[in-house]
Amino acid sequence: MGRIFYIMGKSSSGKDTIFEELKNRQDLNLHQIILYTTRPIRAKETDGVEYHFTDEAGLAHWIAQGKVIELREYHTVHGIWKYFTVDDDQIRLDSGNYLAIGVPESYQKVRAYFGTEKVVPIYIEVEDGVRLERAMKRERKQAVPSYEEMCRRFLADQADFSEENLQKAGITKRFANNGNRLECMAEVADYISGFMGES
């Protein structure tokens, strides 16, 4: 039986970097679940790699097909951005294991869709001061930095990843990424490997 290993963490927790490293580990052989979003593409992103970048018409198409597993919308300083997971035949749990990335709300919906035993939560945790420093450094690299949006995301994460929401989602195990990313990534990889031999 294949599983979906669902990576979660607040903004600038390093979850995207760890996600990429896990995806590239040949020993784990994990397939990426590529989410869809209506937000604009960022510098150094590629359509179909980080996300499928689409628009409201594209979202409406998948909704009409009954293929949207979960949908979130965020009221940003640039307007409403939507992120969603689609049952577009990229997920075949009878033949492989997958990596996905999201928030507790989306994790719960994916788990409800595929079954509790098939979706494994992996929560990356970082001290808030470290996250803020990382967020500032990343935003400075953007062609047009948006510090207002960065602050909105930072504060929104406090609600999305509140202890109440983590408990509600059944997320108990945490992987600390405060300073040694390689150590954190190795710990996550070992955790995932532990599921590989299970039927």
Protein backbone atom coordinates (compact mmCIF):
# COMPACT_ATOMS: atom_id res chain seq x y z
CA MET A 1 0.00 0.00 0.00
CA GLY A 2 1.35 3.39 -0.97
CA ARG A 3 1.23 6.41 1.31
CA ILE A 4 1.18 10.17 1.04
CA PHE A 5 3.76 11.83 3.28
CA TYR A 6 2.28 15.25 3.94
CA ILE A 7 4.84 17.97 4.73
CA MET A 8 3.64 20.92 6.80
CA GLY A 9 5.23 23.91 8.47
CA LYS A 10 4.88 27.64 8.88
CA SER A 11 6.32 29.97 6.26
CA SER A 12 10.14 30.03 6.23
CA SER A 13 10.32 26.84 8.28
CA GLY A 14 12.42 25.22 5.56
CA LYS A 15 9.66 22.82 4.59
CA ASP A 16 10.04 23.56 0.87
CA THR A 17 13.77 22.84 0.93
CA ILE A 18 13.28 19.63 2.89
CA PHE A 19 10.46 18.68 0.53
CA GLU A 20 12.79 19.08 -2.47
CA GLU A 21 15.58 17.10 -0.84
CA LEU A 22 13.23 14.25 0.08
CA LYS A 23 11.81 14.23 -3.43
CA ASN A 24 15.31 13.84 -4.86
CA ARG A 25 16.30 10.97 -2.56
CA GLN A 26 16.48 7.95 -4.86
CA ASP A 27 16.38 5.53 -1.92
CA LEU A 28 12.94 6.84 -0.91
CA ASN A 29 11.53 6.96 -4.47
CA LEU A 30 8.79 9.44 -3.58
CA HIS A 31 6.60 11.01 -6.24
CA GLN A 32 5.56 14.64 -5.89
CA ILE A 33 1.92 15.64 -5.71
CA ILE A 34 1.89 18.96 -7.54
CA LEU A 35 -0.72 21.32 -6.17
CA TYR A 36 -2.55 23.99 -8.13
CA THR A 37 -2.60 27.70 -7.32
CA THR A 38 -4.07 30.91 -8.72
CA ARG A 39 -1.30 33.06 -7.26
CA PRO A 40 1.29 34.62 -9.57
CA ILE A 41 4.43 32.65 -10.28
CA ARG A 42 7.47 33.80 -8.26
CA ALA A 43 11.04 34.32 -9.35
CA LYS A 44 12.81 31.01 -10.07
CA GLU A 45 9.57 28.99 -10.05
CA THR A 46 8.51 26.84 -13.01
CA ASP A 47 4.95 25.95 -13.96
CA GLY A 48 4.32 22.27 -13.32
CA VAL A 49 7.26 21.96 -10.93
CA GLU A 50 6.49 23.86 -7.71
CA TYR A 51 2.80 24.25 -8.63
CA HIS A 52 0.44 24.10 -11.55
CA PHE A 53 -0.18 27.83 -11.98
CA THR A 54 -3.73 28.46 -13.14
CA ASP A 55 -6.58 30.98 -12.90
CA GLU A 56 -10.21 31.07 -11.78
CA ALA A 57 -11.33 29.45 -15.05
CA GLY A 58 -8.92 26.57 -14.47
CA LEU A 59 -10.23 26.11 -10.95
CA ALA A 60 -13.82 26.19 -12.19
CA HIS A 61 -12.99 23.46 -14.70
CA TRP A 62 -11.74 21.08 -11.99
CA ILE A 63 -14.68 21.89 -9.70
CA ALA A 64 -17.10 21.12 -12.53
CA GLN A 65 -15.34 17.77 -13.00
CA GLY A 66 -15.74 16.99 -9.29
CA LYS A 67 -11.98 16.54 -8.98
CA VAL A 68 -11.03 19.09 -6.30
CA ILE A 69 -9.97 17.27 -3.13
CA GLU A 70 -9.30 20.38 -1.05
CA LEU A 71 -9.36 24.11 -1.68
CA ARG A 72 -8.00 27.00 0.37
CA GLU A 73 -8.12 30.72 -0.27
CA TYR A 74 -5.98 33.43 1.26
CA HIS A 75 -6.83 37.12 1.32
CA THR A 76 -3.43 38.64 0.55
CA VAL A 77 -2.37 42.23 0.01
CA HIS A 78 -2.39 41.37 -3.72
CA GLY A 79 -5.88 39.89 -3.75
CA ILE A 80 -7.32 36.42 -3.17
CA TRP A 81 -4.94 33.54 -3.89
CA LYS A 82 -6.25 29.99 -4.01
CA TYR A 83 -4.40 26.71 -3.52
CA PHE A 84 -5.97 23.33 -4.22
CA THR A 85 -5.31 19.62 -4.65
CA VAL A 86 -6.82 17.86 -7.65
CA ASP A 87 -7.52 14.18 -8.26
CA ASP A 88 -6.00 14.46 -11.75
CA ASP A 89 -4.64 10.90 -11.97
CA GLN A 90 -1.17 11.85 -10.75
CA ILE A 91 -1.78 9.94 -7.46
CA ARG A 92 -1.67 6.13 -7.74
CA LEU A 93 -1.30 4.70 -4.25
CA ASP A 94 -1.47 1.15 -5.55
CA SER A 95 1.94 1.58 -7.15
CA GLY A 96 3.94 4.15 -5.18
CA ASN A 97 4.50 6.59 -2.33
CA TYR A 98 4.04 10.34 -2.60
CA LEU A 99 5.08 13.66 -1.12
CA ALA A 100 2.64 16.52 -0.67
CA ILE A 101 2.90 19.88 1.03
CA GLY A 102 0.23 21.99 2.73
CA VAL A 103 -1.33 23.12 6.00
CA PRO A 104 -3.28 21.26 8.71
CA GLU A 105 -6.62 22.10 7.06
CA SER A 106 -5.59 20.69 3.67
CA TYR A 107 -3.93 17.67 5.33
CA GLN A 108 -7.20 16.77 7.04
CA LYS A 109 -9.14 16.93 3.78
CA VAL A 110 -6.59 14.83 1.91
CA ARG A 111 -6.61 12.32 4.77
CA ALA A 112 -10.42 12.17 4.67
CA TYR A 113 -10.31 11.60 0.89
CA PHE A 114 -7.66 8.86 0.80
CA GLY A 115 -8.01 7.35 4.29
CA THR A 116 -6.24 7.93 7.61
CA GLU A 117 -3.82 5.02 7.20
CA LYS A 118 -2.63 6.30 3.81
CA VAL A 119 -1.69 9.88 4.76
CA VAL A 120 1.21 10.50 7.16
CA PRO A 121 1.71 14.00 8.65
CA ILE A 122 5.24 15.44 8.86
CA TYR A 123 5.39 18.75 10.71
CA ILE A 124 8.53 20.90 10.40
CA GLU A 125 8.90 23.26 13.35
CA VAL A 126 11.14 26.34 13.70
CA GLU A 127 11.41 28.99 16.40
CA ASP A 128 9.54 32.13 15.31
CA GLY A 129 12.54 34.48 15.51
CA VAL A 130 14.54 32.22 13.20
CA ARG A 131 11.60 32.05 10.78
CA LEU A 132 11.28 35.82 10.65
CA GLU A 133 14.98 36.24 9.83
CA ARG A 134 14.70 33.65 7.06
CA ALA A 135 11.54 35.29 5.68
CA MET A 136 13.26 38.68 5.45
CA LYS A 137 16.25 37.18 3.66
CA ARG A 138 14.02 35.37 1.14
CA GLU A 139 11.83 38.41 0.47
CA ARG A 140 14.85 40.60 -0.31
CA LYS A 141 15.66 38.25 -3.21
CA GLN A 142 12.32 38.82 -4.93
CA ALA A 143 12.24 41.14 -7.96
CA VAL A 144 9.62 43.23 -6.16
CA PRO A 145 9.75 42.48 -2.41
CA SER A 146 6.41 42.60 -0.59
CA TYR A 147 7.16 42.91 3.09
CA GLU A 148 3.50 43.57 3.85
CA GLU A 149 2.53 40.21 2.36
CA MET A 150 5.41 38.53 4.16
CA CYS A 151 4.10 39.87 7.47
CA ARG A 152 0.56 38.78 6.63
CA ARG A 153 1.75 35.22 5.96
CA PHE A 154 3.80 35.20 9.16
CA LEU A 155 0.82 36.23 11.28
CA ALA A 156 -1.66 33.99 9.43
CA ASP A 157 0.55 31.00 10.22
CA GLN A 158 0.07 31.64 13.93
CA ALA A 159 -3.62 30.82 13.43
CA ASP A 160 -3.26 28.06 10.82
CA PHE A 161 -0.67 26.20 12.89
CA SER A 162 -2.07 26.96 16.34
CA GLU A 163 -1.71 24.21 18.94
CA GLU A 164 -5.47 23.77 18.77
CA ASN A 165 -5.39 23.16 15.02
CA LEU A 166 -2.41 20.81 15.28
CA GLN A 167 -4.19 18.75 17.92
CA LYS A 168 -7.42 18.74 15.93
CA ALA A 169 -5.52 17.39 12.93
CA GLY A 170 -3.83 14.71 15.04
CA ILE A 171 -0.35 16.10 14.39
CA THR A 172 1.82 15.10 17.34
CA LYS A 173 5.28 14.30 15.97
CA ARG A 174 7.48 17.30 15.18
CA PHE A 175 10.79 17.71 13.41
CA ALA A 176 12.89 20.69 14.58
CA ASN A 177 14.68 22.68 11.85
CA ASN A 178 16.12 25.54 13.89
CA GLY A 179 19.72 25.30 12.74
CA ASN A 180 20.82 21.98 11.31
CA ARG A 181 18.74 21.38 8.19
CA LEU A 182 20.65 18.25 7.16
CA GLU A 183 20.05 16.67 10.53
CA CYS A 184 16.35 17.50 10.35
CA MET A 185 16.08 16.16 6.83
CA ALA A 186 17.84 12.93 7.80
CA GLU A 187 15.45 12.47 10.72
CA VAL A 188 12.45 12.94 8.42
CA ALA A 189 13.92 10.53 5.84
CA ASP A 190 14.46 7.88 8.50
CA TYR A 191 10.89 8.35 9.70
CA ILE A 192 9.55 7.88 6.17
CA SER A 193 11.77 4.83 5.61
CA GLY A 194 10.15 3.23 8.64
CA PHE A 195 6.85 3.07 6.76
CA MET A 196 8.29 1.56 3.59
CA GLY A 197 8.35 -2.02 4.85
CA GLU A 198 4.77 -1.89 6.11
CA SER A 199 2.02 -3.37 3.98
